[in-house]
């Protein structure tokens, strides 16, 4: 054990700060690796691709409803 000149109160405060930091880190990891987060990470690129493709289609074909029953 190293020679420590801190008071027990100082050591307890440091432990509490470390504990709070670990809690924050753990919460962040739980959020990052939650089912919802992983599903969002996987689906977002596909959503961006389909949104872009739909925008391109509208730009090239116009905004008219090509599937209307009025043909």
Protein backbone atom coordinates (compact mmCIF):
# COMPACT_ATOMS: atom_id res chain seq x y z
CA UNK A 1 0.00 0.00 0.00
CA UNK A 2 1.40 3.38 -0.96
CA UNK A 3 1.83 6.19 1.51
CA UNK A 4 -1.25 8.39 1.05
CA UNK A 5 -1.61 11.72 2.84
CA UNK A 6 -5.28 12.18 1.90
CA UNK A 7 -7.92 12.17 4.58
CA UNK A 8 -10.60 9.48 4.57
CA UNK A 9 -13.10 12.13 3.47
CA UNK A 10 -10.93 13.08 0.46
CA UNK A 11 -10.60 9.42 -0.48
CA UNK A 12 -14.36 8.93 -0.20
CA UNK A 13 -14.99 11.98 -2.43
CA UNK A 14 -12.57 10.64 -5.01
CA UNK A 15 -14.25 7.24 -4.91
CA UNK A 16 -17.65 8.89 -5.43
CA UNK A 17 -16.30 10.89 -8.41
CA UNK A 18 -14.86 7.72 -9.93
CA UNK A 19 -18.11 5.85 -9.29
CA UNK A 20 -20.12 8.61 -10.99
CA UNK A 21 -17.75 8.55 -13.95
CA UNK A 22 -18.07 4.78 -14.26
CA UNK A 23 -21.85 5.03 -14.03
CA UNK A 24 -21.89 7.59 -16.85
CA UNK A 25 -19.61 5.42 -18.98
CA UNK A 26 -21.76 2.34 -18.36
CA UNK A 27 -24.95 4.25 -19.20
CA UNK A 28 -23.36 5.42 -22.45
CA UNK A 29 -22.36 1.88 -23.39
CA UNK A 30 -25.81 0.55 -22.58
CA UNK A 31 -27.38 3.22 -24.79
CA UNK A 32 -24.91 2.63 -27.63
CA UNK A 33 -25.42 -1.12 -27.65
CA UNK A 34 -29.15 -1.25 -26.94
CA UNK A 35 -31.35 -3.10 -29.39
CA UNK A 36 -32.97 0.16 -30.46
CA UNK A 37 -29.63 1.85 -31.08
CA UNK A 38 -28.21 -1.05 -33.08
CA UNK A 39 -31.41 -1.30 -35.14
CA UNK A 40 -31.19 2.44 -35.85
CA UNK A 41 -27.51 2.16 -36.81
CA UNK A 42 -28.37 -0.62 -39.27
CA UNK A 43 -31.54 0.93 -40.70
CA UNK A 44 -30.47 4.57 -41.02
CA UNK A 45 -28.16 4.02 -44.03
CA UNK A 46 -30.94 2.13 -45.85
CA UNK A 47 -33.43 4.87 -45.05
CA UNK A 48 -31.03 7.48 -46.41
CA UNK A 49 -30.56 5.46 -49.61
CA UNK A 50 -34.29 5.00 -50.16
CA UNK A 51 -35.00 8.66 -49.36
CA UNK A 52 -32.36 9.71 -51.88
CA UNK A 53 -33.73 7.30 -54.51
CA UNK A 54 -37.27 8.62 -53.96
CA UNK A 55 -36.05 12.20 -54.30
CA UNK A 56 -34.23 11.33 -57.52
CA UNK A 57 -37.33 9.64 -58.87
CA UNK A 58 -39.51 12.64 -58.06
CA UNK A 59 -36.99 14.96 -59.65
CA UNK A 60 -36.87 12.92 -62.86
CA UNK A 61 -40.52 11.89 -63.07
CA UNK A 62 -42.17 14.86 -61.46
CA UNK A 63 -44.31 14.81 -58.38
CA UNK A 64 -47.34 13.36 -60.18
CA UNK A 65 -48.87 10.23 -58.76
CA UNK A 66 -47.87 7.56 -61.25
CA UNK A 67 -50.03 5.00 -59.50
CA UNK A 68 -53.31 6.87 -59.62
CA UNK A 69 -56.46 5.10 -60.87
CA UNK A 70 -57.28 8.00 -63.25
CA UNK A 71 -55.37 6.52 -66.22
